[in-house]
Amino acid sequence: MIIRPETSEDYAAIRAINIAAFAVHPFSRQTEHLIVEALREAGALRLSLVAVTEDCVAGHIAFSQAPIGGRDVGWYLLGPVAVAPAFQRRGIGSDLVRAGLEKLRELGAQGCVLVGDPAFYTRFGFRQAVGLRYPGVPQEFVLSLPLADAEPDGEVAHHPAFEVTA
């Protein structure tokens, strides 16, 4: 398996993976594919990686800027991350998260925040956010990983693409 930046040739596969991976997810509005496309169209998809195995795109991860308290403080929002159902339970999602975090470090990111399952993301160093708040999300699912300085305090904002509806 290789992990590399997305190319325009990957767009259809990324769309299909996000649709399939979130089709029955209990906390999804099934708009993840639309979010990725809207982020890309707006130039807000700061890092987008694909996992390629068996000669096909098997997974995808996206990162966008995450203003904190109304300011750009060098933090990024992880999500969505998706693996095609036929390739799940092989560690591809974990490999994408690790590769994405490494690329963020190379970019000089100060930290990463996400909304997700603590049981999955704590293995990468994420912990329940202390000073970060994400509107409308229970605090136990707001996870942060400082990459440089300490976690900032404030409300996490996301790009309007995350509000897209089907």
N, C-alpha and C. Protein backbone atom coordinates (compact mmCIF):
# COMPACT_ATOMS: atom_id res chain seq x y z
N MET A 1 0.84 -1.18 0.00
CA MET A 1 0.00 0.00 0.00
C MET A 1 0.89 1.24 0.00
N ILE A 2 0.45 2.25 -0.74
CA ILE A 2 1.12 3.54 -0.70
C ILE A 2 0.10 4.61 -0.31
N ILE A 3 0.59 5.63 0.35
CA ILE A 3 -0.24 6.78 0.69
C ILE A 3 0.40 7.97 0.00
N ARG A 4 -0.44 8.71 -0.73
CA ARG A 4 0.06 9.83 -1.52
C ARG A 4 -1.00 10.92 -1.57
N PRO A 5 -0.61 12.13 -1.99
CA PRO A 5 -1.60 13.19 -2.17
C PRO A 5 -2.61 12.82 -3.26
N GLU A 6 -3.83 13.27 -3.10
CA GLU A 6 -4.84 13.02 -4.12
C GLU A 6 -4.46 13.72 -5.42
N THR A 7 -4.96 13.17 -6.52
CA THR A 7 -4.87 13.82 -7.82
C THR A 7 -6.30 13.92 -8.37
N SER A 8 -6.47 14.68 -9.42
CA SER A 8 -7.81 14.82 -10.00
C SER A 8 -8.34 13.47 -10.50
N GLU A 9 -7.45 12.56 -10.83
CA GLU A 9 -7.88 11.23 -11.26
C GLU A 9 -8.49 10.42 -10.12
N ASP A 10 -8.29 10.85 -8.87
CA ASP A 10 -8.81 10.13 -7.71
C ASP A 10 -10.20 10.61 -7.27
N TYR A 11 -10.67 11.71 -7.83
CA TYR A 11 -11.89 12.34 -7.32
C TYR A 11 -13.09 11.39 -7.29
N ALA A 12 -13.32 10.66 -8.36
CA ALA A 12 -14.47 9.74 -8.41
C ALA A 12 -14.34 8.64 -7.36
N ALA A 13 -13.14 8.12 -7.20
CA ALA A 13 -12.93 7.07 -6.19
C ALA A 13 -13.12 7.61 -4.78
N ILE A 14 -12.63 8.82 -4.52
CA ILE A 14 -12.80 9.44 -3.21
C ILE A 14 -14.28 9.63 -2.90
N ARG A 15 -15.03 10.08 -3.89
CA ARG A 15 -16.47 10.25 -3.72
C ARG A 15 -17.13 8.92 -3.37
N ALA A 16 -16.84 7.89 -4.15
CA ALA A 16 -17.44 6.57 -3.93
C ALA A 16 -17.08 6.00 -2.56
N ILE A 17 -15.83 6.18 -2.16
CA ILE A 17 -15.39 5.67 -0.84
C ILE A 17 -16.15 6.35 0.28
N ASN A 18 -16.27 7.67 0.21
CA ASN A 18 -16.98 8.39 1.27
C ASN A 18 -18.46 8.01 1.31
N ILE A 19 -19.08 7.84 0.16
CA ILE A 19 -20.49 7.43 0.13
C ILE A 19 -20.64 6.05 0.77
N ALA A 20 -19.81 5.11 0.34
CA ALA A 20 -19.94 3.73 0.84
C ALA A 20 -19.58 3.61 2.32
N ALA A 21 -18.51 4.28 2.73
CA ALA A 21 -18.04 4.15 4.11
C ALA A 21 -19.02 4.74 5.12
N PHE A 22 -19.74 5.78 4.73
CA PHE A 22 -20.65 6.45 5.66
C PHE A 22 -22.11 6.10 5.44
N ALA A 23 -22.40 5.18 4.53
CA ALA A 23 -23.78 4.85 4.18
C ALA A 23 -24.63 4.45 5.38
N VAL A 24 -24.06 3.72 6.31
CA VAL A 24 -24.83 3.25 7.48
C VAL A 24 -24.23 3.74 8.79
N HIS A 25 -23.37 4.73 8.71
CA HIS A 25 -22.74 5.26 9.93
C HIS A 25 -23.81 5.97 10.76
N PRO A 26 -23.92 5.61 12.05
CA PRO A 26 -25.02 6.15 12.86
C PRO A 26 -24.96 7.65 13.14
N PHE A 27 -23.79 8.27 13.04
CA PHE A 27 -23.68 9.70 13.34
C PHE A 27 -23.39 10.54 12.10
N SER A 28 -23.65 9.98 10.95
CA SER A 28 -23.39 10.67 9.69
C SER A 28 -24.68 11.19 9.07
N ARG A 29 -24.57 12.32 8.39
CA ARG A 29 -25.68 12.83 7.58
C ARG A 29 -25.52 12.36 6.13
N GLN A 30 -24.54 11.49 5.89
CA GLN A 30 -24.21 10.96 4.57
C GLN A 30 -23.88 12.07 3.58
N THR A 31 -23.18 13.09 4.06
CA THR A 31 -22.77 14.20 3.19
C THR A 31 -21.24 14.33 3.10
N GLU A 32 -20.53 13.35 3.62
CA GLU A 32 -19.06 13.45 3.65
C GLU A 32 -18.47 13.66 2.26
N HIS A 33 -18.99 12.98 1.26
CA HIS A 33 -18.48 13.16 -0.11
C HIS A 33 -18.71 14.59 -0.59
N LEU A 34 -19.84 15.17 -0.20
CA LEU A 34 -20.14 16.55 -0.58
C LEU A 34 -19.23 17.54 0.16
N ILE A 35 -18.92 17.23 1.41
CA ILE A 35 -18.01 18.07 2.19
C ILE A 35 -16.64 18.13 1.53
N VAL A 36 -16.10 16.95 1.18
CA VAL A 36 -14.78 16.90 0.53
C VAL A 36 -14.80 17.70 -0.76
N GLU A 37 -15.84 17.52 -1.56
CA GLU A 37 -15.92 18.22 -2.84
C GLU A 37 -16.05 19.73 -2.64
N ALA A 38 -16.84 20.14 -1.65
CA ALA A 38 -17.00 21.58 -1.40
C ALA A 38 -15.70 22.18 -0.86
N LEU A 39 -15.00 21.46 0.01
CA LEU A 39 -13.70 21.94 0.50
C LEU A 39 -12.73 22.09 -0.67
N ARG A 40 -12.70 21.09 -1.54
CA ARG A 40 -11.80 21.14 -2.69
C ARG A 40 -12.14 22.31 -3.60
N GLU A 41 -13.42 22.47 -3.90
CA GLU A 41 -13.86 23.54 -4.79
C GLU A 41 -13.53 24.93 -4.23
N ALA A 42 -13.60 25.06 -2.91
CA ALA A 42 -13.33 26.35 -2.26
C ALA A 42 -11.84 26.59 -2.02
N GLY A 43 -11.01 25.61 -2.36
CA GLY A 43 -9.57 25.74 -2.10
C GLY A 43 -9.25 25.60 -0.63
N ALA A 44 -10.13 24.98 0.13
CA ALA A 44 -9.95 24.85 1.57
C ALA A 44 -9.49 23.47 2.01
N LEU A 45 -9.30 22.58 1.06
CA LEU A 45 -8.81 21.24 1.36
C LEU A 45 -7.29 21.34 1.45
N ARG A 46 -6.78 21.55 2.66
CA ARG A 46 -5.35 21.84 2.85
C ARG A 46 -4.46 20.62 2.66
N LEU A 47 -4.99 19.44 3.01
CA LEU A 47 -4.24 18.20 2.85
C LEU A 47 -5.24 17.11 2.55
N SER A 48 -5.02 16.38 1.48
CA SER A 48 -5.93 15.32 1.07
C SER A 48 -5.08 14.16 0.56
N LEU A 49 -5.14 13.06 1.29
CA LEU A 49 -4.31 11.89 0.97
C LEU A 49 -5.18 10.70 0.63
N VAL A 50 -4.67 9.85 -0.24
CA VAL A 50 -5.34 8.59 -0.57
C VAL A 50 -4.41 7.43 -0.26
N ALA A 51 -5.03 6.31 0.09
CA ALA A 51 -4.31 5.05 0.26
C ALA A 51 -4.62 4.19 -0.96
N VAL A 52 -3.56 3.73 -1.61
CA VAL A 52 -3.73 2.92 -2.81
C VAL A 52 -3.19 1.52 -2.53
N THR A 53 -4.04 0.55 -2.76
CA THR A 53 -3.65 -0.85 -2.58
C THR A 53 -4.37 -1.68 -3.63
N GLU A 54 -3.77 -2.76 -4.01
CA GLU A 54 -4.36 -3.63 -5.04
C GLU A 54 -4.78 -2.82 -6.26
N ASP A 55 -3.95 -1.84 -6.62
CA ASP A 55 -4.14 -1.00 -7.81
C ASP A 55 -5.42 -0.15 -7.79
N CYS A 56 -5.93 0.13 -6.58
CA CYS A 56 -7.09 1.02 -6.53
C CYS A 56 -7.03 1.88 -5.26
N VAL A 57 -7.73 2.99 -5.31
CA VAL A 57 -7.83 3.87 -4.15
C VAL A 57 -8.75 3.18 -3.15
N ALA A 58 -8.21 2.91 -1.97
CA ALA A 58 -8.96 2.18 -0.94
C ALA A 58 -9.39 3.06 0.22
N GLY A 59 -8.74 4.22 0.38
CA GLY A 59 -9.08 5.09 1.50
C GLY A 59 -8.70 6.52 1.22
N HIS A 60 -9.25 7.42 2.06
CA HIS A 60 -9.03 8.85 1.88
C HIS A 60 -9.10 9.55 3.23
N ILE A 61 -8.28 10.60 3.38
CA ILE A 61 -8.34 11.45 4.56
C ILE A 61 -8.20 12.91 4.13
N ALA A 62 -8.94 13.77 4.82
CA ALA A 62 -8.95 15.20 4.49
C ALA A 62 -8.64 16.03 5.73
N PHE A 63 -7.96 17.13 5.51
CA PHE A 63 -7.66 18.11 6.56
C PHE A 63 -7.94 19.50 6.02
N SER A 64 -8.57 20.32 6.85
CA SER A 64 -8.82 21.72 6.51
C SER A 64 -8.44 22.57 7.71
N GLN A 65 -8.30 23.87 7.49
CA GLN A 65 -7.94 24.75 8.59
C GLN A 65 -9.06 24.81 9.62
N ALA A 66 -8.67 24.94 10.88
CA ALA A 66 -9.62 25.02 11.98
C ALA A 66 -9.34 26.28 12.79
N PRO A 67 -9.96 27.39 12.42
CA PRO A 67 -9.79 28.59 13.25
C PRO A 67 -10.27 28.33 14.68
N ILE A 68 -9.54 28.86 15.62
CA ILE A 68 -9.89 28.72 17.05
C ILE A 68 -10.16 30.13 17.58
N GLY A 69 -11.33 30.30 18.17
CA GLY A 69 -11.67 31.61 18.70
C GLY A 69 -11.68 32.69 17.64
N GLY A 70 -12.00 32.31 16.40
CA GLY A 70 -12.07 33.28 15.31
C GLY A 70 -10.74 33.66 14.68
N ARG A 71 -9.68 32.95 15.07
CA ARG A 71 -8.33 33.27 14.54
C ARG A 71 -7.66 32.02 13.97
N ASP A 72 -6.83 32.21 12.97
CA ASP A 72 -6.01 31.12 12.46
C ASP A 72 -4.81 30.97 13.40
N VAL A 73 -4.77 29.88 14.11
CA VAL A 73 -3.67 29.63 15.05
C VAL A 73 -2.85 28.41 14.63
N GLY A 74 -2.97 28.03 13.35
CA GLY A 74 -2.17 26.92 12.84
C GLY A 74 -2.71 25.54 13.16
N TRP A 75 -3.99 25.48 13.51
CA TRP A 75 -4.61 24.18 13.80
C TRP A 75 -5.42 23.72 12.60
N TYR A 76 -5.53 22.40 12.47
CA TYR A 76 -6.25 21.79 11.37
C TYR A 76 -7.34 20.87 11.91
N LEU A 77 -8.37 20.71 11.09
CA LEU A 77 -9.48 19.82 11.39
C LEU A 77 -9.32 18.56 10.56
N LEU A 78 -9.29 17.41 11.21
CA LEU A 78 -9.19 16.14 10.51
C LEU A 78 -10.61 15.67 10.19
N GLY A 79 -10.84 15.36 8.93
CA GLY A 79 -12.11 14.76 8.58
C GLY A 79 -12.64 15.29 7.26
N PRO A 80 -13.32 14.44 6.58
CA PRO A 80 -13.56 13.06 6.95
C PRO A 80 -12.39 12.15 6.60
N VAL A 81 -12.39 10.98 7.22
CA VAL A 81 -11.49 9.89 6.86
C VAL A 81 -12.38 8.69 6.56
N ALA A 82 -12.10 8.02 5.46
CA ALA A 82 -12.96 6.91 5.03
C ALA A 82 -12.14 5.84 4.33
N VAL A 83 -12.57 4.60 4.53
CA VAL A 83 -11.97 3.45 3.85
C VAL A 83 -13.10 2.67 3.19
N ALA A 84 -12.88 2.27 1.96
CA ALA A 84 -13.88 1.48 1.25
C ALA A 84 -14.22 0.24 2.06
N PRO A 85 -15.48 -0.11 2.16
CA PRO A 85 -15.88 -1.27 2.97
C PRO A 85 -15.09 -2.55 2.68
N ALA A 86 -14.77 -2.81 1.43
CA ALA A 86 -14.02 -4.03 1.09
C ALA A 86 -12.60 -4.03 1.65
N PHE A 87 -12.10 -2.86 2.08
CA PHE A 87 -10.73 -2.74 2.58
C PHE A 87 -10.67 -2.40 4.06
N GLN A 88 -11.81 -2.34 4.73
CA GLN A 88 -11.82 -2.00 6.14
C GLN A 88 -11.26 -3.14 6.98
N ARG A 89 -10.83 -2.78 8.17
CA ARG A 89 -10.25 -3.72 9.15
C ARG A 89 -8.90 -4.26 8.71
N ARG A 90 -8.18 -3.47 7.92
CA ARG A 90 -6.83 -3.83 7.48
C ARG A 90 -5.79 -2.80 7.95
N GLY A 91 -6.21 -1.82 8.72
CA GLY A 91 -5.29 -0.80 9.20
C GLY A 91 -5.10 0.37 8.27
N ILE A 92 -5.87 0.43 7.19
CA ILE A 92 -5.70 1.51 6.22
C ILE A 92 -6.09 2.86 6.82
N GLY A 93 -7.18 2.88 7.57
CA GLY A 93 -7.59 4.13 8.21
C GLY A 93 -6.53 4.63 9.17
N SER A 94 -5.97 3.73 9.96
CA SER A 94 -4.90 4.11 10.90
C SER A 94 -3.68 4.62 10.15
N ASP A 95 -3.32 3.95 9.07
CA ASP A 95 -2.17 4.40 8.29
C ASP A 95 -2.41 5.79 7.69
N LEU A 96 -3.64 6.05 7.26
CA LEU A 96 -3.96 7.38 6.73
C LEU A 96 -3.85 8.45 7.81
N VAL A 97 -4.35 8.16 9.01
CA VAL A 97 -4.25 9.13 10.10
C VAL A 97 -2.78 9.41 10.41
N ARG A 98 -1.98 8.36 10.56
CA ARG A 98 -0.55 8.55 10.86
C ARG A 98 0.15 9.36 9.78
N ALA A 99 -0.09 9.03 8.52
CA ALA A 99 0.54 9.74 7.42
C ALA A 99 0.08 11.20 7.38
N GLY A 100 -1.20 11.42 7.62
CA GLY A 100 -1.72 12.79 7.62
C GLY A 100 -1.11 13.63 8.73
N LEU A 101 -0.99 13.05 9.92
CA LEU A 101 -0.39 13.79 11.03
C LEU A 101 1.08 14.10 10.76
N GLU A 102 1.77 13.17 10.14
CA GLU A 102 3.17 13.41 9.80
C GLU A 102 3.28 14.56 8.79
N LYS A 103 2.41 14.58 7.80
CA LYS A 103 2.42 15.68 6.82
C LYS A 103 2.09 17.00 7.50
N LEU A 104 1.14 17.00 8.46
CA LEU A 104 0.83 18.24 9.18
C LEU A 104 2.06 18.75 9.92
N ARG A 105 2.80 17.84 10.55
CA ARG A 105 4.03 18.25 11.24
C ARG A 105 5.00 18.88 10.25
N GLU A 106 5.15 18.27 9.08
CA GLU A 106 6.04 18.81 8.06
C GLU A 106 5.60 20.20 7.60
N LEU A 107 4.30 20.45 7.61
CA LEU A 107 3.76 21.75 7.22
C LEU A 107 3.88 22.79 8.32
N GLY A 108 4.32 22.37 9.50
CA GLY A 108 4.45 23.30 10.61
C GLY A 108 3.16 23.55 11.37
N ALA A 109 2.20 22.64 11.24
CA ALA A 109 0.93 22.79 11.94
C ALA A 109 1.16 22.82 13.45
N GLN A 110 0.34 23.59 14.13
CA GLN A 110 0.42 23.70 15.59
C GLN A 110 -0.38 22.60 16.28
N GLY A 111 -1.38 22.07 15.60
CA GLY A 111 -2.19 21.02 16.20
C GLY A 111 -3.31 20.58 15.28
N CYS A 112 -4.02 19.56 15.75
CA CYS A 112 -5.11 18.97 14.99
C CYS A 112 -6.28 18.70 15.94
N VAL A 113 -7.47 18.95 15.45
CA VAL A 113 -8.68 18.72 16.22
C VAL A 113 -9.64 17.92 15.35
N LEU A 114 -10.49 17.14 16.00
CA LEU A 114 -11.48 16.36 15.27
C LEU A 114 -12.67 16.07 16.15
N VAL A 115 -13.72 15.63 15.52
CA VAL A 115 -14.89 15.10 16.22
C VAL A 115 -14.91 13.63 15.88
N GLY A 116 -14.77 12.78 16.90
CA GLY A 116 -14.72 11.36 16.60
C GLY A 116 -14.73 10.48 17.83
N ASP A 117 -14.52 9.21 17.59
CA ASP A 117 -14.55 8.17 18.60
C ASP A 117 -13.24 8.13 19.37
N PRO A 118 -13.27 8.46 20.67
CA PRO A 118 -12.03 8.44 21.45
C PRO A 118 -11.35 7.07 21.43
N ALA A 119 -12.11 5.99 21.38
CA ALA A 119 -11.51 4.65 21.38
C ALA A 119 -10.61 4.43 20.17
N PHE A 120 -10.91 5.08 19.06
CA PHE A 120 -10.08 4.94 17.87
C PHE A 120 -8.93 5.94 17.88
N TYR A 121 -9.21 7.20 18.17
CA TYR A 121 -8.21 8.26 17.96
C TYR A 121 -7.19 8.43 19.08
N THR A 122 -7.45 7.91 20.26
CA THR A 122 -6.45 8.05 21.33
C THR A 122 -5.17 7.30 21.01
N ARG A 123 -5.22 6.29 20.19
CA ARG A 123 -4.01 5.53 19.82
C ARG A 123 -3.00 6.39 19.05
N PHE A 124 -3.47 7.53 18.50
CA PHE A 124 -2.59 8.43 17.75
C PHE A 124 -2.14 9.62 18.59
N GLY A 125 -2.53 9.63 19.87
CA GLY A 125 -2.15 10.72 20.76
C GLY A 125 -3.24 11.75 20.99
N PHE A 126 -4.37 11.61 20.31
CA PHE A 126 -5.48 12.53 20.55
C PHE A 126 -6.04 12.29 21.95
N ARG A 127 -6.53 13.36 22.55
CA ARG A 127 -7.17 13.26 23.86
C ARG A 127 -8.35 14.20 23.88
N GLN A 128 -9.20 14.00 24.87
CA GLN A 128 -10.35 14.89 24.97
C GLN A 128 -9.86 16.32 25.11
N ALA A 129 -10.41 17.19 24.28
CA ALA A 129 -10.01 18.59 24.32
C ALA A 129 -10.38 19.21 25.65
N VAL A 130 -9.49 20.05 26.15
CA VAL A 130 -9.73 20.72 27.42
C VAL A 130 -10.28 22.12 27.17
N GLY A 131 -9.57 22.89 26.37
CA GLY A 131 -9.97 24.28 26.15
C GLY A 131 -10.71 24.52 24.85
N LEU A 132 -10.83 23.49 24.03
CA LEU A 132 -11.51 23.64 22.75
C LEU A 132 -12.97 23.21 22.86
N ARG A 133 -13.82 23.99 22.24
CA ARG A 133 -15.24 23.65 22.21
C ARG A 133 -15.70 23.65 20.75
N TYR A 134 -16.50 22.65 20.41
CA TYR A 134 -17.02 22.54 19.06
C TYR A 134 -18.54 22.63 19.17
N PRO A 135 -19.13 23.71 18.66
CA PRO A 135 -20.57 23.93 18.85
C PRO A 135 -21.42 22.74 18.43
N GLY A 136 -22.33 22.36 19.31
CA GLY A 136 -23.27 21.30 19.00
C GLY A 136 -22.74 19.89 19.17
N VAL A 137 -21.50 19.74 19.65
CA VAL A 137 -20.89 18.42 19.78
C VAL A 137 -20.61 18.16 21.26
N PRO A 138 -21.03 17.00 21.78
CA PRO A 138 -20.69 16.67 23.18
C PRO A 138 -19.16 16.69 23.36
N GLN A 139 -18.73 17.27 24.46
CA GLN A 139 -17.30 17.49 24.69
C GLN A 139 -16.47 16.21 24.63
N GLU A 140 -17.03 15.06 25.00
CA GLU A 140 -16.23 13.82 24.99
C GLU A 140 -15.81 13.38 23.60
N PHE A 141 -16.45 13.95 22.56
CA PHE A 141 -16.10 13.60 21.19
C PHE A 141 -15.23 14.64 20.49
N VAL A 142 -14.91 15.71 21.20
CA VAL A 142 -14.02 16.74 20.66
C VAL A 142 -12.61 16.37 21.13
N LEU A 143 -11.78 15.96 20.18
CA LEU A 143 -10.45 15.45 20.49
C LEU A 143 -9.38 16.35 19.87
N SER A 144 -8.27 16.49 20.59
CA SER A 144 -7.21 17.37 20.10
C SER A 144 -5.86 16.69 20.22
N LEU A 145 -4.95 17.16 19.38
CA LEU A 145 -3.57 16.70 19.41
C LEU A 145 -2.67 17.90 19.14
N PRO A 146 -2.12 18.49 20.20
CA PRO A 146 -1.15 19.57 19.97
C PRO A 146 0.10 19.01 19.28
N LEU A 147 0.58 19.70 18.25
CA LEU A 147 1.77 19.27 17.53
C LEU A 147 2.96 20.17 17.83
N ALA A 148 2.71 21.30 18.44
CA ALA A 148 3.79 22.23 18.77
C ALA A 148 3.53 22.76 20.18
N ASP A 149 2.83 23.87 20.27
CA ASP A 149 2.52 24.44 21.57
C ASP A 149 1.33 23.74 22.20
N ALA A 150 0.93 24.22 23.34
CA ALA A 150 -0.21 23.66 24.05
C ALA A 150 -1.50 23.91 23.29
N GLU A 151 -2.52 23.18 23.66
CA GLU A 151 -3.85 23.36 23.07
C GLU A 151 -4.37 24.76 23.38
N PRO A 152 -4.86 25.46 22.37
CA PRO A 152 -5.42 26.79 22.63
C PRO A 152 -6.81 26.68 23.28
N ASP A 153 -7.31 27.78 23.74
CA ASP A 153 -8.67 27.85 24.28
C ASP A 153 -9.55 28.54 23.26
N GLY A 154 -10.76 28.04 23.11
CA GLY A 154 -11.71 28.74 22.25
C GLY A 154 -12.61 27.80 21.49
N GLU A 155 -13.48 28.41 20.75
CA GLU A 155 -14.44 27.68 19.94
C GLU A 155 -13.80 27.32 18.60
N VAL A 156 -13.93 26.06 18.23
CA VAL A 156 -13.40 25.58 16.96
C VAL A 156 -14.41 25.90 15.86
N ALA A 157 -13.92 26.48 14.80
CA ALA A 157 -14.77 26.75 13.64
C ALA A 157 -14.37 25.79 12.51
N HIS A 158 -15.28 25.59 11.63
CA HIS A 158 -15.00 24.77 10.44
C HIS A 158 -15.41 25.54 9.20
N HIS A 159 -14.91 25.10 8.08
CA HIS A 159 -15.26 25.73 6.81
C HIS A 159 -16.75 25.52 6.54
N PRO A 160 -17.41 26.47 5.88
CA PRO A 160 -18.83 26.31 5.56
C PRO A 160 -19.16 25.04 4.77
N ALA A 161 -18.15 24.44 4.15
CA ALA A 161 -18.39 23.19 3.41
C ALA A 161 -18.97 22.10 4.30
N PHE A 162 -18.68 22.16 5.60
CA PHE A 162 -19.19 21.14 6.51
C PHE A 162 -20.69 21.27 6.76
N GLU A 163 -21.27 22.34 6.28
CA GLU A 163 -22.72 22.54 6.44
C GLU A 163 -23.50 22.14 5.19
N VAL A 164 -22.79 21.63 4.18
CA VAL A 164 -23.44 21.27 2.93
C VAL A 164 -24.51 20.19 3.18
N THR A 165 -25.59 20.28 2.43
CA THR A 165 -26.65 19.28 2.53
C THR A 165 -26.82 18.60 1.18
N ALA A 166 -27.38 17.44 1.23
CA ALA A 166 -27.55 16.65 0.00
C ALA A 166 -28.47 17.31 -0.99
